[in-house]
C-alpha cells in the first residue's frame, strides 16, 4: 500500500494538497482555480481530471474558492462541516453528479481505502477542522490556519508519517511590515495563524518526532521568507535531536511528490 503526497500550492493565494493511494485521489482543500489545479496536477505527472474527493477545512477563499467549479464540472465527493457548508452556501451549488457530504469533527469516515479523521482547530471561521488521512498504516496530518497549538490539537498530530504544518509569518517581519494594526492582531491572535516561532515551540515542547517528512506550509509572501521558516524549524529539530526530511512549500508551484509505503 502506497501514498503519494504533493502540496500543489500553499499560501494566501490558494491552498490545495494532493493525496493519492491505490484506490483514491483526494484534494485537501480547494483554493485553486480549476485551470490552475489541472496545470499543477499535470506538473507532477498526474491526471488533471483525476480527483475523486475533496476535503475542505473551512470556508475562507484561499481554501475553498475552487470548490464550486469542481463540484459542477467533475463528479466528486466533497466533505465539509455543517459550519463550512453554511459559510460557503454550498447547499446551493450546482452539483451535476457530485455530492456534498456533511462531516462532524472527531467522527472518522472512510473514502475508498482511506480513513479520514477531522478534528477541531482554533481559527476564525465558522466550523474549521484539520484532517488526518490514513491508509495501509501510513498517516498524514495537515494543520494550517490555526491560531495556536493546544494540547488537544497536538495530540492529533502524534504518530504522523507526514506532517504538513503552517509556518505563516516571522514575528519581526510582521511587526515592521505594511499590514494594518488590526490585521496584525488577527494574525497573531489565538484564532489566527501560526508564526515560525510557534512552530519551533511546538517542535521543542509537543512534537513526537515520528514523522519522516515535516513540511512547512502557508508561508506569508509579505511577512515571511522560506529560509527564515526553515532555519527556525531546523534549530528546534536539532534541539530535540530529531532527524527528518524538512521541506518548505511555495505558492506558485507544487512541491515534489512524497512517496510513502
C-alpha atoms as a PDB file:
ATOM      1  CA  UNK A   1       0.000   0.000   0.000  1.00  0.00           C
ATOM      2  CA  UNK A   2       1.483   3.378  -1.001  1.00  0.00           C
ATOM      3  CA  UNK A   3       0.555   7.003  -0.518  1.00  0.00           C
ATOM      4  CA  UNK A   4       1.714   9.889  -2.713  1.00  0.00           C
ATOM      5  CA  UNK A   5       1.501  13.455  -1.414  1.00  0.00           C
ATOM      6  CA  UNK A   6       2.165  16.821  -3.071  1.00  0.00           C
ATOM      7  CA  UNK A   7       1.287  20.271  -1.798  1.00  0.00           C
ATOM      8  CA  UNK A   8       0.029  21.813  -5.046  1.00  0.00           C
ATOM      9  CA  UNK A   9       0.024  25.323  -3.604  1.00  0.00           C
ATOM     10  CA  UNK A  10       0.018  26.863  -0.154  1.00  0.00           C
ATOM     11  CA  UNK A  11      -0.476  30.461   0.885  1.00  0.00           C
ATOM     12  CA  UNK A  12      -2.943  33.312   0.823  1.00  0.00           C
ATOM     13  CA  UNK A  13      -3.479  32.957  -2.951  1.00  0.00           C
ATOM     14  CA  UNK A  14      -4.704  29.392  -2.756  1.00  0.00           C
ATOM     15  CA  UNK A  15      -4.234  26.088  -0.945  1.00  0.00           C
ATOM     16  CA  UNK A  16      -4.571  22.510  -2.161  1.00  0.00           C
ATOM     17  CA  UNK A  17      -2.795  19.267  -1.278  1.00  0.00           C
ATOM     18  CA  UNK A  18      -2.993  16.170  -3.490  1.00  0.00           C
ATOM     19  CA  UNK A  19      -3.078  12.731  -1.859  1.00  0.00           C
ATOM     20  CA  UNK A  20      -3.159   9.508  -3.887  1.00  0.00           C
ATOM     21  CA  UNK A  21      -3.472   5.895  -2.804  1.00  0.00           C
ATOM     22  CA  UNK A  22      -4.029   2.769  -4.875  1.00  0.00           C
ATOM     23  CA  UNK A  23      -7.782   3.449  -4.901  1.00  0.00           C
ATOM     24  CA  UNK A  24      -8.422   7.135  -4.176  1.00  0.00           C
ATOM     25  CA  UNK A  25      -7.240  10.570  -5.333  1.00  0.00           C
ATOM     26  CA  UNK A  26      -8.007  13.282  -2.814  1.00  0.00           C
ATOM     27  CA  UNK A  27      -7.669  17.020  -2.568  1.00  0.00           C
ATOM     28  CA  UNK A  28      -7.219  18.522   0.834  1.00  0.00           C
ATOM     29  CA  UNK A  29      -8.682  21.998   0.313  1.00  0.00           C
ATOM     30  CA  UNK A  30      -9.690  23.554  -2.997  1.00  0.00           C
ATOM     31  CA  UNK A  31      -8.326  27.074  -3.029  1.00  0.00           C
ATOM     32  CA  UNK A  32      -7.001  26.946  -6.602  1.00  0.00           C
ATOM     33  CA  UNK A  33      -8.960  27.592  -9.775  1.00  0.00           C
ATOM     34  CA  UNK A  34      -9.993  24.621 -11.897  1.00  0.00           C
ATOM     35  CA  UNK A  35      -7.447  25.644 -14.560  1.00  0.00           C
ATOM     36  CA  UNK A  36      -4.607  26.136 -12.081  1.00  0.00           C
ATOM     37  CA  UNK A  37      -5.382  22.879 -10.329  1.00  0.00           C
ATOM     38  CA  UNK A  38      -5.216  20.976 -13.623  1.00  0.00           C
ATOM     39  CA  UNK A  39      -1.891  22.614 -14.519  1.00  0.00           C
ATOM     40  CA  UNK A  40      -0.329  21.714 -11.188  1.00  0.00           C
ATOM     41  CA  UNK A  41      -1.545  18.132 -11.310  1.00  0.00           C
ATOM     42  CA  UNK A  42      -0.025  17.812 -14.777  1.00  0.00           C
ATOM     43  CA  UNK A  43       3.218  19.312 -13.467  1.00  0.00           C
ATOM     44  CA  UNK A  44       3.626  16.383 -11.050  1.00  0.00           C
ATOM     45  CA  UNK A  45       2.643  13.808 -13.683  1.00  0.00           C
ATOM     46  CA  UNK A  46      -0.946  13.293 -12.569  1.00  0.00           C
ATOM     47  CA  UNK A  47      -4.222  13.276 -14.499  1.00  0.00           C
ATOM     48  CA  UNK A  48      -5.568  16.860 -14.487  1.00  0.00           C
ATOM     49  CA  UNK A  49      -9.086  15.476 -14.033  1.00  0.00           C
ATOM     50  CA  UNK A  50      -8.022  12.816 -11.560  1.00  0.00           C
ATOM     51  CA  UNK A  51      -9.829  13.806  -8.385  1.00  0.00           C
ATOM     52  CA  UNK A  52     -12.320  11.580  -6.565  1.00  0.00           C
ATOM     53  CA  UNK A  53     -12.978  13.610  -3.422  1.00  0.00           C
ATOM     54  CA  UNK A  54     -12.231  16.914  -1.724  1.00  0.00           C
ATOM     55  CA  UNK A  55     -11.806  17.605   1.979  1.00  0.00           C
ATOM     56  CA  UNK A  56     -12.410  21.255   2.871  1.00  0.00           C
ATOM     57  CA  UNK A  57     -11.041  22.643   6.126  1.00  0.00           C
ATOM     58  CA  UNK A  58     -13.058  25.890   6.229  1.00  0.00           C
ATOM     59  CA  UNK A  59     -14.820  28.467   4.087  1.00  0.00           C
ATOM     60  CA  UNK A  60     -12.112  31.090   3.532  1.00  0.00           C
ATOM     61  CA  UNK A  61     -11.429  31.808  -0.140  1.00  0.00           C
ATOM     62  CA  UNK A  62      -7.835  30.626  -0.173  1.00  0.00           C
ATOM     63  CA  UNK A  63      -9.055  27.176   0.896  1.00  0.00           C
ATOM     64  CA  UNK A  64     -12.421  26.819  -0.828  1.00  0.00           C
ATOM     65  CA  UNK A  65     -12.731  29.202  -3.789  1.00  0.00           C
ATOM     66  CA  UNK A  66     -12.300  26.401  -6.337  1.00  0.00           C
ATOM     67  CA  UNK A  67     -14.866  24.043  -4.847  1.00  0.00           C
ATOM     68  CA  UNK A  68     -17.913  25.424  -6.660  1.00  0.00           C
ATOM     69  CA  UNK A  69     -16.357  24.778 -10.087  1.00  0.00           C
ATOM     70  CA  UNK A  70     -15.057  21.352  -9.093  1.00  0.00           C
ATOM     71  CA  UNK A  71     -18.440  20.001  -7.996  1.00  0.00           C
ATOM     72  CA  UNK A  72     -20.073  21.468 -11.103  1.00  0.00           C
ATOM     73  CA  UNK A  73     -17.550  20.236 -13.676  1.00  0.00           C
ATOM     74  CA  UNK A  74     -16.469  16.896 -12.168  1.00  0.00           C
ATOM     75  CA  UNK A  75     -18.204  14.008 -10.403  1.00  0.00           C
ATOM     76  CA  UNK A  76     -16.618  14.199  -6.974  1.00  0.00           C
ATOM     77  CA  UNK A  77     -17.479  13.850  -3.304  1.00  0.00           C
ATOM     78  CA  UNK A  78     -16.898  16.943  -1.165  1.00  0.00           C
ATOM     79  CA  UNK A  79     -16.635  16.641   2.613  1.00  0.00           C
ATOM     80  CA  UNK A  80     -17.326  19.723   4.750  1.00  0.00           C
ATOM     81  CA  UNK A  81     -18.555  20.500   8.256  1.00  0.00           C
ATOM     82  CA  UNK A  82     -22.045  21.977   8.545  1.00  0.00           C
ATOM     83  CA  UNK A  83     -20.493  25.298   9.506  1.00  0.00           C
ATOM     84  CA  UNK A  84     -18.372  25.342   6.363  1.00  0.00           C
ATOM     85  CA  UNK A  85     -21.383  24.386   4.244  1.00  0.00           C
ATOM     86  CA  UNK A  86     -23.254  27.356   5.694  1.00  0.00           C
ATOM     87  CA  UNK A  87     -20.283  29.674   5.271  1.00  0.00           C
ATOM     88  CA  UNK A  88     -19.964  28.776   1.591  1.00  0.00           C
ATOM     89  CA  UNK A  89     -23.701  28.356   0.981  1.00  0.00           C
ATOM     90  CA  UNK A  90     -22.578  25.095  -0.585  1.00  0.00           C
ATOM     91  CA  UNK A  91     -26.087  23.654  -0.354  1.00  0.00           C
ATOM     92  CA  UNK A  92     -26.887  25.959  -3.298  1.00  0.00           C
ATOM     93  CA  UNK A  93     -24.040  24.720  -5.538  1.00  0.00           C
ATOM     94  CA  UNK A  94     -24.815  23.123  -8.889  1.00  0.00           C
ATOM     95  CA  UNK A  95     -23.612  19.547  -8.484  1.00  0.00           C
ATOM     96  CA  UNK A  96     -24.085  17.680 -11.791  1.00  0.00           C
ATOM     97  CA  UNK A  97     -23.495  14.281 -10.211  1.00  0.00           C
ATOM     98  CA  UNK A  98     -21.216  15.408  -7.394  1.00  0.00           C
ATOM     99  CA  UNK A  99     -22.199  15.078  -3.756  1.00  0.00           C
ATOM    100  CA  UNK A 100     -21.616  17.279  -0.719  1.00  0.00           C
ATOM    101  CA  UNK A 101     -21.306  15.215   2.432  1.00  0.00           C
ATOM    102  CA  UNK A 102     -21.585  16.902   5.848  1.00  0.00           C
ATOM    103  CA  UNK A 103     -18.984  15.753   8.367  1.00  0.00           C
ATOM    104  CA  UNK A 104     -18.700  16.095  12.136  1.00  0.00           C
ATOM    105  CA  UNK A 105     -15.445  16.926  13.935  1.00  0.00           C
ATOM    106  CA  UNK A 106     -13.912  13.919  15.730  1.00  0.00           C
ATOM    107  CA  UNK A 107     -16.073  11.454  13.775  1.00  0.00           C
ATOM    108  CA  UNK A 108     -13.915   9.436  11.339  1.00  0.00           C
ATOM    109  CA  UNK A 109     -15.127   8.384   7.911  1.00  0.00           C
ATOM    110  CA  UNK A 110     -13.845   6.289   5.023  1.00  0.00           C
ATOM    111  CA  UNK A 111     -13.246   7.125   1.365  1.00  0.00           C
ATOM    112  CA  UNK A 112     -12.181   4.012  -0.540  1.00  0.00           C
ATOM    113  CA  UNK A 113      -9.061   2.684   1.196  1.00  0.00           C
ATOM    114  CA  UNK A 114      -8.526   5.886   3.187  1.00  0.00           C
ATOM    115  CA  UNK A 115      -9.684   6.659   6.710  1.00  0.00           C
ATOM    116  CA  UNK A 116     -10.145  10.378   7.385  1.00  0.00           C
ATOM    117  CA  UNK A 117     -10.244  11.949  10.827  1.00  0.00           C
ATOM    118  CA  UNK A 118     -11.405  15.592  11.046  1.00  0.00           C
ATOM    119  CA  UNK A 119     -10.558  17.489  14.225  1.00  0.00           C
ATOM    120  CA  UNK A 120     -11.413  20.941  15.516  1.00  0.00           C
ATOM    121  CA  UNK A 121      -8.867  23.736  15.305  1.00  0.00           C
ATOM    122  CA  UNK A 122      -8.845  27.304  16.685  1.00  0.00           C
ATOM    123  CA  UNK A 123      -9.314  29.617  13.708  1.00  0.00           C
ATOM    124  CA  UNK A 124     -11.651  32.494  12.884  1.00  0.00           C
ATOM    125  CA  UNK A 125     -14.035  30.527  10.668  1.00  0.00           C
ATOM    126  CA  UNK A 126     -17.492  29.049  11.236  1.00  0.00           C
ATOM    127  CA  UNK A 127     -16.551  25.414  11.989  1.00  0.00           C
ATOM    128  CA  UNK A 128     -12.934  24.843  10.930  1.00  0.00           C
ATOM    129  CA  UNK A 129     -11.215  21.476  11.044  1.00  0.00           C
ATOM    130  CA  UNK A 130      -7.904  19.928  10.123  1.00  0.00           C
ATOM    131  CA  UNK A 131      -7.531  16.395   8.781  1.00  0.00           C
ATOM    132  CA  UNK A 132      -5.521  13.264   9.371  1.00  0.00           C
ATOM    133  CA  UNK A 133      -5.569  10.820   6.471  1.00  0.00           C
ATOM    134  CA  UNK A 134      -4.517   7.184   6.960  1.00  0.00           C
ATOM    135  CA  UNK A 135      -4.045   4.312   4.542  1.00  0.00           C
ATOM    136  CA  UNK A 136      -2.255   0.988   4.983  1.00  0.00           C
ATOM    137  CA  UNK A 137      -0.513   2.059   8.158  1.00  0.00           C
ATOM    138  CA  UNK A 138       0.674   5.394   6.718  1.00  0.00           C
ATOM    139  CA  UNK A 139      -0.668   8.562   8.333  1.00  0.00           C
ATOM    140  CA  UNK A 140      -0.594  12.143   7.023  1.00  0.00           C
ATOM    141  CA  UNK A 141      -1.767  15.117   9.048  1.00  0.00           C
ATOM    142  CA  UNK A 142      -2.110  18.649   7.714  1.00  0.00           C
ATOM    143  CA  UNK A 143      -2.511  21.591  10.077  1.00  0.00           C
ATOM    144  CA  UNK A 144      -2.823  25.092   8.632  1.00  0.00           C
ATOM    145  CA  UNK A 145      -4.910  28.134   9.560  1.00  0.00           C
ATOM    146  CA  UNK A 146      -4.670  27.661  13.291  1.00  0.00           C
ATOM    147  CA  UNK A 147      -4.068  30.311  15.915  1.00  0.00           C
ATOM    148  CA  UNK A 148      -2.281  28.144  18.475  1.00  0.00           C
ATOM    149  CA  UNK A 149      -1.419  24.502  19.047  1.00  0.00           C
ATOM    150  CA  UNK A 150      -3.489  23.463  22.033  1.00  0.00           C
ATOM    151  CA  UNK A 151      -2.785  20.181  23.766  1.00  0.00           C
ATOM    152  CA  UNK A 152      -5.912  18.749  22.131  1.00  0.00           C
ATOM    153  CA  UNK A 153      -4.649  19.705  18.666  1.00  0.00           C
ATOM    154  CA  UNK A 154      -1.115  18.495  19.437  1.00  0.00           C
ATOM    155  CA  UNK A 155      -2.477  15.052  20.319  1.00  0.00           C
ATOM    156  CA  UNK A 156      -3.953  14.760  16.813  1.00  0.00           C
ATOM    157  CA  UNK A 157      -0.501  15.310  15.298  1.00  0.00           C
ATOM    158  CA  UNK A 158       1.039  12.319  17.067  1.00  0.00           C
ATOM    159  CA  UNK A 159       2.169   9.297  15.048  1.00  0.00           C
ATOM    160  CA  UNK A 160       2.062  11.134  11.717  1.00  0.00           C
ATOM    161  CA  UNK A 161       4.430   9.886   9.000  1.00  0.00           C
ATOM    162  CA  UNK A 162       3.966  13.153   7.098  1.00  0.00           C
ATOM    163  CA  UNK A 163       3.228  16.343   8.995  1.00  0.00           C
ATOM    164  CA  UNK A 164       2.287  19.421   6.968  1.00  0.00           C
ATOM    165  CA  UNK A 165       2.188  22.411   9.280  1.00  0.00           C
ATOM    166  CA  UNK A 166       1.571  26.100   8.891  1.00  0.00           C
ATOM    167  CA  UNK A 167       4.543  28.421   9.429  1.00  0.00           C
ATOM    168  CA  UNK A 168       2.812  31.590   8.344  1.00  0.00           C
ATOM    169  CA  UNK A 169       4.845  34.563   9.484  1.00  0.00           C
ATOM    170  CA  UNK A 170       8.049  35.787  11.045  1.00  0.00           C
ATOM    171  CA  UNK A 171       7.080  37.861  14.071  1.00  0.00           C
ATOM    172  CA  UNK A 172       9.578  40.648  13.395  1.00  0.00           C
ATOM    173  CA  UNK A 173       8.737  40.885   9.683  1.00  0.00           C
ATOM    174  CA  UNK A 174       5.069  41.114  10.588  1.00  0.00           C
ATOM    175  CA  UNK A 175       5.741  43.731  13.281  1.00  0.00           C
ATOM    176  CA  UNK A 176       7.593  46.116  10.937  1.00  0.00           C
ATOM    177  CA  UNK A 177       5.619  45.197   7.812  1.00  0.00           C
ATOM    178  CA  UNK A 178       2.892  47.111   5.956  1.00  0.00           C
ATOM    179  CA  UNK A 179      -0.184  45.333   7.325  1.00  0.00           C
ATOM    180  CA  UNK A 180      -2.629  47.489   9.348  1.00  0.00           C
ATOM    181  CA  UNK A 181      -2.638  47.018  13.099  1.00  0.00           C
ATOM    182  CA  UNK A 182      -5.975  45.164  13.202  1.00  0.00           C
ATOM    183  CA  UNK A 183      -4.769  42.589  10.657  1.00  0.00           C
ATOM    184  CA  UNK A 184      -1.534  42.085  12.582  1.00  0.00           C
ATOM    185  CA  UNK A 185      -3.612  41.475  15.693  1.00  0.00           C
ATOM    186  CA  UNK A 186      -5.771  38.949  13.851  1.00  0.00           C
ATOM    187  CA  UNK A 187      -2.776  37.035  12.508  1.00  0.00           C
ATOM    188  CA  UNK A 188      -1.050  36.779  15.875  1.00  0.00           C
ATOM    189  CA  UNK A 189      -4.222  36.079  17.864  1.00  0.00           C
ATOM    190  CA  UNK A 190      -5.297  32.725  19.240  1.00  0.00           C
ATOM    191  CA  UNK A 191      -7.630  32.216  16.282  1.00  0.00           C
ATOM    192  CA  UNK A 192      -5.241  33.478  13.591  1.00  0.00           C
ATOM    193  CA  UNK A 193      -2.131  31.855  12.126  1.00  0.00           C
ATOM    194  CA  UNK A 194       0.996  30.166  13.448  1.00  0.00           C
ATOM    195  CA  UNK A 195       4.314  32.015  13.374  1.00  0.00           C
ATOM    196  CA  UNK A 196       7.711  30.438  12.767  1.00  0.00           C
ATOM    197  CA  UNK A 197       8.312  30.857  16.492  1.00  0.00           C
ATOM    198  CA  UNK A 198       5.114  28.990  17.347  1.00  0.00           C
ATOM    199  CA  UNK A 199       6.133  26.084  15.111  1.00  0.00           C
ATOM    200  CA  UNK A 200       9.558  25.961  16.788  1.00  0.00           C
ATOM    201  CA  UNK A 201       7.848  25.942  20.192  1.00  0.00           C
ATOM    202  CA  UNK A 202       5.641  23.055  19.079  1.00  0.00           C
ATOM    203  CA  UNK A 203       8.701  21.088  17.973  1.00  0.00           C
ATOM    204  CA  UNK A 204      10.512  21.753  21.259  1.00  0.00           C
ATOM    205  CA  UNK A 205       7.583  21.047  23.558  1.00  0.00           C
ATOM    206  CA  UNK A 206       4.935  18.884  21.858  1.00  0.00           C
ATOM    207  CA  UNK A 207       6.283  17.110  18.744  1.00  0.00           C
ATOM    208  CA  UNK A 208       6.831  13.346  18.993  1.00  0.00           C
ATOM    209  CA  UNK A 209       9.469  13.193  16.228  1.00  0.00           C
ATOM    210  CA  UNK A 210       7.792  10.312  14.393  1.00  0.00           C
ATOM    211  CA  UNK A 211       7.282  11.977  11.004  1.00  0.00           C
ATOM    212  CA  UNK A 212       9.780  11.116   8.291  1.00  0.00           C
ATOM    213  CA  UNK A 213       8.656  14.227   6.410  1.00  0.00           C
ATOM    214  CA  UNK A 214       7.943  17.597   8.053  1.00  0.00           C
ATOM    215  CA  UNK A 215       6.549  20.158   5.596  1.00  0.00           C
ATOM    216  CA  UNK A 216       6.245  23.868   6.381  1.00  0.00           C
ATOM    217  CA  UNK A 217       3.250  25.430   4.641  1.00  0.00           C
ATOM    218  CA  UNK A 218       1.091  28.532   4.248  1.00  0.00           C
ATOM    219  CA  UNK A 219       4.038  30.960   4.368  1.00  0.00           C
ATOM    220  CA  UNK A 220       3.137  34.622   4.024  1.00  0.00           C
ATOM    221  CA  UNK A 221       4.648  36.308   0.966  1.00  0.00           C
ATOM    222  CA  UNK A 222       4.684  39.644   2.819  1.00  0.00           C
ATOM    223  CA  UNK A 223       5.711  38.607   6.310  1.00  0.00           C
ATOM    224  CA  UNK A 224       7.966  35.581   5.974  1.00  0.00           C
ATOM    225  CA  UNK A 225      10.807  34.094   3.991  1.00  0.00           C
ATOM    226  CA  UNK A 226      11.305  30.377   3.327  1.00  0.00           C
ATOM    227  CA  UNK A 227      14.800  30.390   4.787  1.00  0.00           C
ATOM    228  CA  UNK A 228      13.654  32.072   7.998  1.00  0.00           C
ATOM    229  CA  UNK A 229      10.973  29.428   8.476  1.00  0.00           C
ATOM    230  CA  UNK A 230      13.378  26.627   7.602  1.00  0.00           C
ATOM    231  CA  UNK A 231      16.137  27.782   9.954  1.00  0.00           C
ATOM    232  CA  UNK A 232      13.841  28.263  12.923  1.00  0.00           C
ATOM    233  CA  UNK A 233      12.430  24.756  12.454  1.00  0.00           C
ATOM    234  CA  UNK A 234      15.897  23.257  11.965  1.00  0.00           C
ATOM    235  CA  UNK A 235      17.133  24.776  15.228  1.00  0.00           C
ATOM    236  CA  UNK A 236      14.198  23.299  17.114  1.00  0.00           C
ATOM    237  CA  UNK A 237      14.629  19.868  15.491  1.00  0.00           C
ATOM    238  CA  UNK A 238      18.335  19.851  16.380  1.00  0.00           C
ATOM    239  CA  UNK A 239      17.492  20.859  19.933  1.00  0.00           C
ATOM    240  CA  UNK A 240      15.325  17.720  20.182  1.00  0.00           C
ATOM    241  CA  UNK A 241      17.829  15.557  18.299  1.00  0.00           C
ATOM    242  CA  UNK A 242      15.320  14.675  15.585  1.00  0.00           C
ATOM    243  CA  UNK A 243      16.289  13.769  12.022  1.00  0.00           C
ATOM    244  CA  UNK A 244      13.584  14.440   9.447  1.00  0.00           C
ATOM    245  CA  UNK A 245      13.163  15.438   5.805  1.00  0.00           C
ATOM    246  CA  UNK A 246      12.243  19.114   6.124  1.00  0.00           C
ATOM    247  CA  UNK A 247      10.612  20.913   3.198  1.00  0.00           C
ATOM    248  CA  UNK A 248       9.070  24.339   2.639  1.00  0.00           C
ATOM    249  CA  UNK A 249       6.126  24.718   0.280  1.00  0.00           C
ATOM    250  CA  UNK A 250       5.502  27.581  -2.133  1.00  0.00           C
ATOM    251  CA  UNK A 251       2.536  29.452  -3.519  1.00  0.00           C
ATOM    252  CA  UNK A 252       3.269  29.188  -7.213  1.00  0.00           C
ATOM    253  CA  UNK A 253       4.355  25.603  -7.904  1.00  0.00           C
ATOM    254  CA  UNK A 254       3.680  22.153  -6.484  1.00  0.00           C
ATOM    255  CA  UNK A 255       6.079  20.507  -4.083  1.00  0.00           C
ATOM    256  CA  UNK A 256       7.942  17.387  -5.258  1.00  0.00           C
ATOM    257  CA  UNK A 257       5.747  14.373  -4.542  1.00  0.00           C
ATOM    258  CA  UNK A 258       6.455  12.369  -1.410  1.00  0.00           C
ATOM    259  CA  UNK A 259       6.028   8.605  -1.846  1.00  0.00           C
ATOM    260  CA  UNK A 260       5.327   6.529   1.250  1.00  0.00           C
ATOM    261  CA  UNK A 261       4.730   2.822   1.720  1.00  0.00           C
END
